[in-house]
């Protein structure tokens, strides 16, 4: 069976994104259903897959990464503001084959992010 995993890298520091809240939603008929919430470990990964086996189905999902508090905790004076440039990063993606492994990494800075389908 397939699985869904993620990890977060802070490219400003070249370190894992530790302690970041990650929420997984399934999208059906434009309605969001929360499936799981986790917090990244010291390696910037979740301790187990966000979804696997029967929990991962063909369809559309969203990952919500709460990166604002992560950057605030580092008290970066150059970027600490009343209104953050990035607070939550939302990635909507499709799972066309639930038998495969879908890895959705997130590369972050206080001012940008990128993602890709990893392996």
N, C-alpha and C. Protein backbone atom coordinates (compact mmCIF):
# COMPACT_ATOMS: atom_id res chain seq x y z
N UNK A 1 0.83 -1.18 0.00
CA UNK A 1 0.00 0.00 0.00
C UNK A 1 0.88 1.25 0.00
N UNK A 2 0.29 2.36 -0.42
CA UNK A 2 1.03 3.61 -0.50
C UNK A 2 1.11 4.32 0.83
N UNK A 3 1.83 5.44 0.80
CA UNK A 3 1.93 6.27 2.00
C UNK A 3 2.25 7.71 1.61
N UNK A 4 1.98 8.61 2.54
CA UNK A 4 2.25 10.03 2.37
C UNK A 4 3.18 10.48 3.48
N UNK A 5 4.31 11.08 3.11
CA UNK A 5 5.27 11.58 4.09
C UNK A 5 5.67 13.00 3.72
N UNK A 6 6.31 13.67 4.67
CA UNK A 6 6.80 15.02 4.43
C UNK A 6 8.04 15.27 5.27
N UNK A 7 8.76 16.28 4.94
CA UNK A 7 9.79 16.82 5.83
C UNK A 7 10.00 18.28 5.49
N UNK A 8 10.56 19.01 6.44
CA UNK A 8 10.73 20.45 6.28
C UNK A 8 12.19 20.80 6.50
N UNK A 9 12.73 21.59 5.58
CA UNK A 9 14.09 22.07 5.69
C UNK A 9 14.09 23.59 5.72
N UNK A 10 14.78 24.14 6.71
CA UNK A 10 14.96 25.58 6.82
C UNK A 10 16.21 25.93 6.02
N UNK A 11 16.03 26.45 4.83
CA UNK A 11 17.18 26.71 3.95
C UNK A 11 17.93 27.98 4.35
N UNK A 12 17.36 28.79 5.24
CA UNK A 12 18.08 29.95 5.75
C UNK A 12 19.25 29.49 6.62
N UNK A 13 18.99 28.49 7.43
CA UNK A 13 20.00 27.98 8.35
C UNK A 13 20.67 26.69 7.88
N UNK A 14 20.05 26.02 6.92
CA UNK A 14 20.57 24.73 6.49
C UNK A 14 20.29 23.65 7.52
N UNK A 15 19.13 23.75 8.20
CA UNK A 15 18.79 22.81 9.26
C UNK A 15 17.36 22.29 9.06
N UNK A 16 17.03 21.19 9.72
CA UNK A 16 15.65 20.70 9.66
C UNK A 16 14.69 21.67 10.33
N UNK A 17 13.46 21.70 9.86
CA UNK A 17 12.41 22.51 10.48
C UNK A 17 11.78 21.73 11.62
N UNK A 18 12.27 21.95 12.81
CA UNK A 18 11.83 21.21 14.00
C UNK A 18 10.63 21.86 14.66
N UNK A 19 9.72 21.04 15.17
CA UNK A 19 8.60 21.53 15.96
C UNK A 19 7.54 22.29 15.19
N UNK A 20 7.41 22.01 13.90
CA UNK A 20 6.41 22.70 13.06
C UNK A 20 5.14 21.86 13.00
N UNK A 21 4.01 22.50 13.25
CA UNK A 21 2.72 21.81 13.18
C UNK A 21 2.34 21.58 11.72
N UNK A 22 1.93 20.35 11.42
CA UNK A 22 1.53 19.95 10.07
C UNK A 22 0.13 19.36 10.16
N UNK A 23 -0.78 19.84 9.32
CA UNK A 23 -2.15 19.31 9.28
C UNK A 23 -2.41 18.76 7.88
N UNK A 24 -3.03 17.59 7.83
CA UNK A 24 -3.40 16.96 6.56
C UNK A 24 -4.91 16.99 6.42
N UNK A 25 -5.36 17.47 5.26
CA UNK A 25 -6.78 17.54 4.93
C UNK A 25 -7.05 16.76 3.64
N UNK A 26 -8.21 16.19 3.56
CA UNK A 26 -8.69 15.60 2.30
C UNK A 26 -9.74 16.56 1.76
N UNK A 27 -9.71 16.78 0.45
CA UNK A 27 -10.65 17.69 -0.20
C UNK A 27 -11.62 16.86 -1.04
N UNK A 28 -12.90 17.00 -0.74
CA UNK A 28 -13.95 16.33 -1.52
C UNK A 28 -15.10 17.32 -1.70
N UNK A 29 -15.49 17.55 -2.95
CA UNK A 29 -16.55 18.52 -3.27
C UNK A 29 -16.25 19.87 -2.65
N UNK A 30 -14.99 20.28 -2.73
CA UNK A 30 -14.50 21.55 -2.20
C UNK A 30 -14.69 21.69 -0.69
N UNK A 31 -14.89 20.59 0.00
CA UNK A 31 -14.99 20.58 1.46
C UNK A 31 -13.72 19.96 2.03
N UNK A 32 -13.17 20.61 3.06
CA UNK A 32 -11.96 20.13 3.73
C UNK A 32 -12.34 19.26 4.92
N UNK A 33 -11.68 18.11 5.02
CA UNK A 33 -11.84 17.24 6.18
C UNK A 33 -10.47 17.01 6.78
N UNK A 34 -10.31 17.38 8.05
CA UNK A 34 -9.04 17.17 8.73
C UNK A 34 -8.84 15.68 8.98
N UNK A 35 -7.71 15.15 8.51
CA UNK A 35 -7.40 13.74 8.70
C UNK A 35 -6.40 13.51 9.83
N UNK A 36 -5.44 14.43 9.95
CA UNK A 36 -4.37 14.20 10.92
C UNK A 36 -3.60 15.47 11.18
N UNK A 37 -3.07 15.59 12.40
CA UNK A 37 -2.17 16.67 12.76
C UNK A 37 -0.95 16.07 13.43
N UNK A 38 0.21 16.60 13.09
CA UNK A 38 1.46 16.10 13.67
C UNK A 38 2.40 17.28 13.86
N UNK A 39 3.49 17.04 14.57
CA UNK A 39 4.54 18.04 14.77
C UNK A 39 5.85 17.41 14.32
N UNK A 40 6.63 18.16 13.55
CA UNK A 40 7.89 17.60 13.05
C UNK A 40 8.88 17.38 14.18
N UNK A 41 9.69 16.34 14.01
CA UNK A 41 10.69 15.97 15.01
C UNK A 41 12.00 16.73 14.79
N UNK A 42 13.04 16.33 15.49
CA UNK A 42 14.34 17.02 15.39
C UNK A 42 14.95 16.96 13.99
N UNK A 43 14.51 15.99 13.19
CA UNK A 43 15.00 15.85 11.82
C UNK A 43 14.09 16.55 10.81
N UNK A 44 13.06 17.28 11.30
CA UNK A 44 12.14 17.98 10.42
C UNK A 44 11.14 17.07 9.75
N UNK A 45 11.01 15.85 10.26
CA UNK A 45 10.09 14.86 9.70
C UNK A 45 9.03 14.50 10.72
N UNK A 46 7.95 13.92 10.26
CA UNK A 46 6.95 13.36 11.17
C UNK A 46 7.41 11.95 11.54
N UNK A 47 7.11 11.53 12.75
CA UNK A 47 7.59 10.24 13.22
C UNK A 47 6.99 9.05 12.49
N UNK A 48 5.88 9.27 11.82
CA UNK A 48 5.25 8.21 11.03
C UNK A 48 4.57 8.85 9.83
N UNK A 49 4.17 8.06 8.85
CA UNK A 49 3.49 8.66 7.68
C UNK A 49 2.24 9.42 8.08
N UNK A 50 1.95 10.49 7.33
CA UNK A 50 0.72 11.24 7.56
C UNK A 50 -0.50 10.41 7.18
N UNK A 51 -0.34 9.57 6.17
CA UNK A 51 -1.40 8.64 5.76
C UNK A 51 -0.72 7.43 5.13
N UNK A 52 -1.32 6.28 5.35
CA UNK A 52 -0.80 5.06 4.74
C UNK A 52 -1.91 4.03 4.65
N UNK A 53 -1.64 3.00 3.88
CA UNK A 53 -2.59 1.91 3.69
C UNK A 53 -3.97 2.43 3.29
N UNK A 54 -5.01 2.04 4.01
CA UNK A 54 -6.37 2.43 3.63
C UNK A 54 -6.63 3.92 3.83
N UNK A 55 -5.86 4.57 4.69
CA UNK A 55 -6.07 6.00 4.95
C UNK A 55 -5.66 6.87 3.76
N UNK A 56 -4.79 6.36 2.90
CA UNK A 56 -4.39 7.10 1.70
C UNK A 56 -5.22 6.60 0.53
N UNK A 57 -6.03 7.48 -0.01
CA UNK A 57 -6.91 7.14 -1.12
C UNK A 57 -6.62 8.06 -2.30
N UNK A 58 -7.02 7.64 -3.47
CA UNK A 58 -6.94 8.50 -4.63
C UNK A 58 -7.77 9.75 -4.36
N UNK A 59 -7.22 10.91 -4.71
CA UNK A 59 -7.97 12.14 -4.49
C UNK A 59 -7.08 13.34 -4.28
N UNK A 60 -7.67 14.41 -3.75
CA UNK A 60 -7.00 15.68 -3.55
C UNK A 60 -6.81 15.91 -2.05
N UNK A 61 -5.62 16.39 -1.71
CA UNK A 61 -5.25 16.62 -0.31
C UNK A 61 -4.64 18.00 -0.16
N UNK A 62 -4.60 18.47 1.08
CA UNK A 62 -3.88 19.68 1.42
C UNK A 62 -3.01 19.41 2.64
N UNK A 63 -1.81 19.94 2.59
CA UNK A 63 -0.93 19.98 3.75
C UNK A 63 -0.82 21.43 4.19
N UNK A 64 -1.05 21.68 5.46
CA UNK A 64 -0.94 23.01 6.03
C UNK A 64 0.22 23.01 7.02
N UNK A 65 1.22 23.82 6.74
CA UNK A 65 2.42 23.91 7.57
C UNK A 65 2.39 25.25 8.31
N UNK A 66 2.40 25.23 9.63
CA UNK A 66 2.38 26.46 10.45
C UNK A 66 3.83 26.92 10.67
N UNK A 67 4.36 27.66 9.69
CA UNK A 67 5.77 28.07 9.75
C UNK A 67 5.98 29.38 10.50
N UNK A 68 4.96 30.22 10.65
CA UNK A 68 5.11 31.49 11.33
C UNK A 68 5.63 31.36 12.75
N UNK A 69 5.00 30.53 13.58
CA UNK A 69 5.50 30.35 14.95
C UNK A 69 6.92 29.79 15.00
N UNK A 70 7.27 28.95 14.02
CA UNK A 70 8.63 28.41 13.95
C UNK A 70 9.64 29.55 13.81
N UNK A 71 9.39 30.47 12.87
CA UNK A 71 10.32 31.59 12.68
C UNK A 71 10.27 32.55 13.86
N UNK A 72 9.10 32.78 14.43
CA UNK A 72 9.00 33.65 15.61
C UNK A 72 9.83 33.11 16.77
N UNK A 73 9.84 31.81 16.95
CA UNK A 73 10.58 31.19 18.05
C UNK A 73 12.09 31.40 17.91
N UNK A 74 12.53 31.69 16.71
CA UNK A 74 13.96 31.92 16.49
C UNK A 74 14.31 33.39 16.67
N UNK A 75 13.30 34.21 16.93
CA UNK A 75 13.46 35.64 17.21
C UNK A 75 14.42 36.33 16.25
N UNK A 76 14.18 36.16 14.99
CA UNK A 76 15.00 36.80 13.97
C UNK A 76 14.57 38.26 13.86
N UNK A 77 15.35 39.15 14.41
CA UNK A 77 14.99 40.56 14.43
C UNK A 77 14.81 41.12 13.02
N UNK A 78 15.54 40.60 12.07
CA UNK A 78 15.44 41.12 10.71
C UNK A 78 14.08 40.79 10.09
N UNK A 79 13.43 39.73 10.57
CA UNK A 79 12.17 39.32 9.96
C UNK A 79 11.00 39.37 10.92
N UNK A 80 11.24 39.56 12.22
CA UNK A 80 10.15 39.58 13.18
C UNK A 80 9.35 40.88 13.02
N UNK A 81 8.09 40.72 12.67
CA UNK A 81 7.22 41.86 12.43
C UNK A 81 5.85 41.55 13.01
N UNK A 82 5.03 42.59 13.15
CA UNK A 82 3.67 42.37 13.64
C UNK A 82 2.87 41.48 12.70
N UNK A 83 3.12 41.64 11.41
CA UNK A 83 2.45 40.81 10.41
C UNK A 83 3.54 40.04 9.67
N UNK A 84 3.46 38.74 9.74
CA UNK A 84 4.47 37.90 9.09
C UNK A 84 4.24 37.88 7.58
N UNK A 85 5.33 37.75 6.82
CA UNK A 85 5.18 37.55 5.39
C UNK A 85 4.62 36.15 5.13
N UNK A 86 5.21 35.13 5.76
CA UNK A 86 4.68 33.77 5.69
C UNK A 86 4.25 33.34 7.08
N UNK A 87 3.03 32.85 7.17
CA UNK A 87 2.51 32.36 8.44
C UNK A 87 2.17 30.88 8.28
N UNK A 88 1.22 30.59 7.42
CA UNK A 88 0.87 29.21 7.08
C UNK A 88 1.18 28.98 5.61
N UNK A 89 1.77 27.84 5.32
CA UNK A 89 2.01 27.44 3.94
C UNK A 89 1.05 26.30 3.63
N UNK A 90 0.24 26.49 2.60
CA UNK A 90 -0.76 25.51 2.20
C UNK A 90 -0.37 24.93 0.84
N UNK A 91 -0.29 23.61 0.78
CA UNK A 91 0.03 22.93 -0.47
C UNK A 91 -1.12 21.98 -0.80
N UNK A 92 -1.76 22.21 -1.94
CA UNK A 92 -2.82 21.31 -2.42
C UNK A 92 -2.21 20.45 -3.51
N UNK A 93 -2.43 19.15 -3.42
CA UNK A 93 -1.83 18.22 -4.37
C UNK A 93 -2.76 17.03 -4.58
N UNK A 94 -2.54 16.34 -5.69
CA UNK A 94 -3.35 15.18 -6.03
C UNK A 94 -2.61 13.88 -5.83
N UNK A 95 -3.37 12.86 -5.49
CA UNK A 95 -2.85 11.49 -5.36
C UNK A 95 -3.61 10.65 -6.39
N UNK A 96 -3.02 10.47 -7.59
CA UNK A 96 -3.71 9.70 -8.61
C UNK A 96 -3.62 8.19 -8.42
N UNK A 97 -2.65 7.72 -7.65
CA UNK A 97 -2.46 6.28 -7.43
C UNK A 97 -2.09 6.04 -5.97
N UNK A 98 -3.05 5.60 -5.18
CA UNK A 98 -2.87 5.44 -3.73
C UNK A 98 -1.92 4.30 -3.37
N UNK A 99 -1.43 3.58 -4.36
CA UNK A 99 -0.48 2.50 -4.10
C UNK A 99 0.96 3.00 -4.07
N UNK A 100 1.17 4.25 -4.43
CA UNK A 100 2.53 4.80 -4.49
C UNK A 100 2.89 5.55 -3.22
N UNK A 101 4.18 5.86 -3.09
CA UNK A 101 4.67 6.68 -1.99
C UNK A 101 4.70 8.13 -2.47
N UNK A 102 4.01 9.02 -1.77
CA UNK A 102 4.02 10.44 -2.08
C UNK A 102 4.76 11.15 -0.95
N UNK A 103 5.87 11.78 -1.32
CA UNK A 103 6.67 12.53 -0.35
C UNK A 103 6.61 13.98 -0.77
N UNK A 104 6.14 14.85 0.14
CA UNK A 104 5.96 16.26 -0.17
C UNK A 104 6.85 17.07 0.77
N UNK A 105 8.10 17.34 0.35
CA UNK A 105 8.99 18.14 1.18
C UNK A 105 8.66 19.63 1.08
N UNK A 106 9.04 20.36 2.12
CA UNK A 106 8.85 21.81 2.13
C UNK A 106 10.18 22.45 2.49
N UNK A 107 10.64 23.33 1.61
CA UNK A 107 11.86 24.11 1.85
C UNK A 107 11.40 25.52 2.20
N UNK A 108 11.85 26.05 3.36
CA UNK A 108 11.32 27.33 3.84
C UNK A 108 12.42 28.33 4.19
N UNK A 109 12.07 29.59 4.02
CA UNK A 109 12.79 30.74 4.58
C UNK A 109 11.69 31.65 5.12
N UNK A 110 12.02 32.70 5.86
CA UNK A 110 10.96 33.59 6.32
C UNK A 110 10.21 34.29 5.18
N UNK A 111 10.80 34.28 3.97
CA UNK A 111 10.22 35.03 2.85
C UNK A 111 9.88 34.19 1.63
N UNK A 112 10.09 32.88 1.70
CA UNK A 112 9.80 32.05 0.53
C UNK A 112 9.66 30.59 0.93
N UNK A 113 9.10 29.82 0.01
CA UNK A 113 9.04 28.37 0.20
C UNK A 113 9.01 27.72 -1.17
N UNK A 114 9.37 26.44 -1.19
CA UNK A 114 9.22 25.65 -2.41
C UNK A 114 8.95 24.21 -2.00
N UNK A 115 8.40 23.47 -2.94
CA UNK A 115 8.07 22.07 -2.71
C UNK A 115 8.23 21.31 -4.01
N UNK A 116 8.18 20.01 -3.93
CA UNK A 116 8.27 19.14 -5.08
C UNK A 116 7.79 17.76 -4.66
N UNK A 117 7.57 16.89 -5.60
CA UNK A 117 7.25 15.50 -5.24
C UNK A 117 8.56 14.76 -5.09
N UNK A 118 8.85 14.36 -3.89
CA UNK A 118 10.08 13.63 -3.62
C UNK A 118 9.85 12.14 -3.66
N UNK A 119 10.83 11.42 -3.20
CA UNK A 119 10.72 9.95 -3.18
C UNK A 119 11.11 9.42 -1.83
